[in-house]
Amino acid sequence: MELAREDKVKDLLEKQKFNQKEIAEMTDPQIEYYHWLYFEDFVYDYM
């Protein structure tokens, strides 16, 4: 679980949506949500 969080944090930092301090204050569900928001593609996006 911790490794997955680190990977998602790294992706969000690279995308420059949040800074290190903001991410450090987030809970795991928040990080998962934002990662989903910015990185997951859905079929509906292409309709």
Protein backbone atom coordinates (compact mmCIF):
# COMPACT_ATOMS: atom_id res chain seq x y z
CA MET A 1 0.00 0.00 0.00
CA GLU A 2 2.79 2.41 0.91
CA LEU A 3 4.56 1.83 -2.39
CA ALA A 4 1.38 2.56 -4.33
CA ARG A 5 0.98 5.82 -2.43
CA GLU A 6 4.56 6.83 -3.23
CA ASP A 7 4.02 6.13 -6.93
CA LYS A 8 0.82 8.17 -6.97
CA VAL A 9 2.46 11.03 -5.08
CA LYS A 10 5.31 11.04 -7.59
CA ASP A 11 2.85 11.18 -10.50
CA LEU A 12 0.94 14.07 -8.94
CA LEU A 13 4.14 16.01 -8.24
CA GLU A 14 5.33 15.48 -11.82
CA LYS A 15 1.98 16.69 -13.10
CA GLN A 16 2.53 19.77 -10.88
CA LYS A 17 -1.01 19.73 -9.54
CA PHE A 18 0.15 19.88 -5.93
CA ASN A 19 3.31 20.70 -4.03
CA GLN A 20 5.07 18.41 -1.56
CA LYS A 21 3.53 20.11 1.49
CA GLU A 22 -0.04 19.78 0.18
CA ILE A 23 0.44 16.12 -0.62
CA ALA A 24 2.05 15.41 2.76
CA GLU A 25 -1.15 16.64 4.44
CA MET A 26 -3.44 14.48 2.30
CA THR A 27 -4.92 11.19 3.39
CA ASP A 28 -4.50 8.03 1.30
CA PRO A 29 -8.07 8.27 -0.05
CA GLN A 30 -7.46 11.87 -1.13
CA ILE A 31 -4.29 10.89 -2.97
CA GLU A 32 -6.10 8.00 -4.64
CA TYR A 33 -8.93 10.32 -5.67
CA TYR A 34 -6.68 12.94 -7.23
CA HIS A 35 -4.58 10.30 -8.95
CA TRP A 36 -7.77 8.79 -10.36
CA LEU A 37 -8.96 12.26 -11.38
CA TYR A 38 -5.82 13.16 -13.33
CA PHE A 39 -4.48 9.83 -14.55
CA GLU A 40 -7.28 7.34 -15.17
CA ASP A 41 -8.80 7.29 -18.64
CA PHE A 42 -12.36 6.21 -19.18
CA VAL A 43 -14.14 5.14 -22.31
CA TYR A 44 -16.61 8.00 -21.75
CA ASP A 45 -13.81 10.53 -22.17
CA TYR A 46 -13.66 9.62 -25.83
CA MET A 47 -17.37 9.73 -26.65
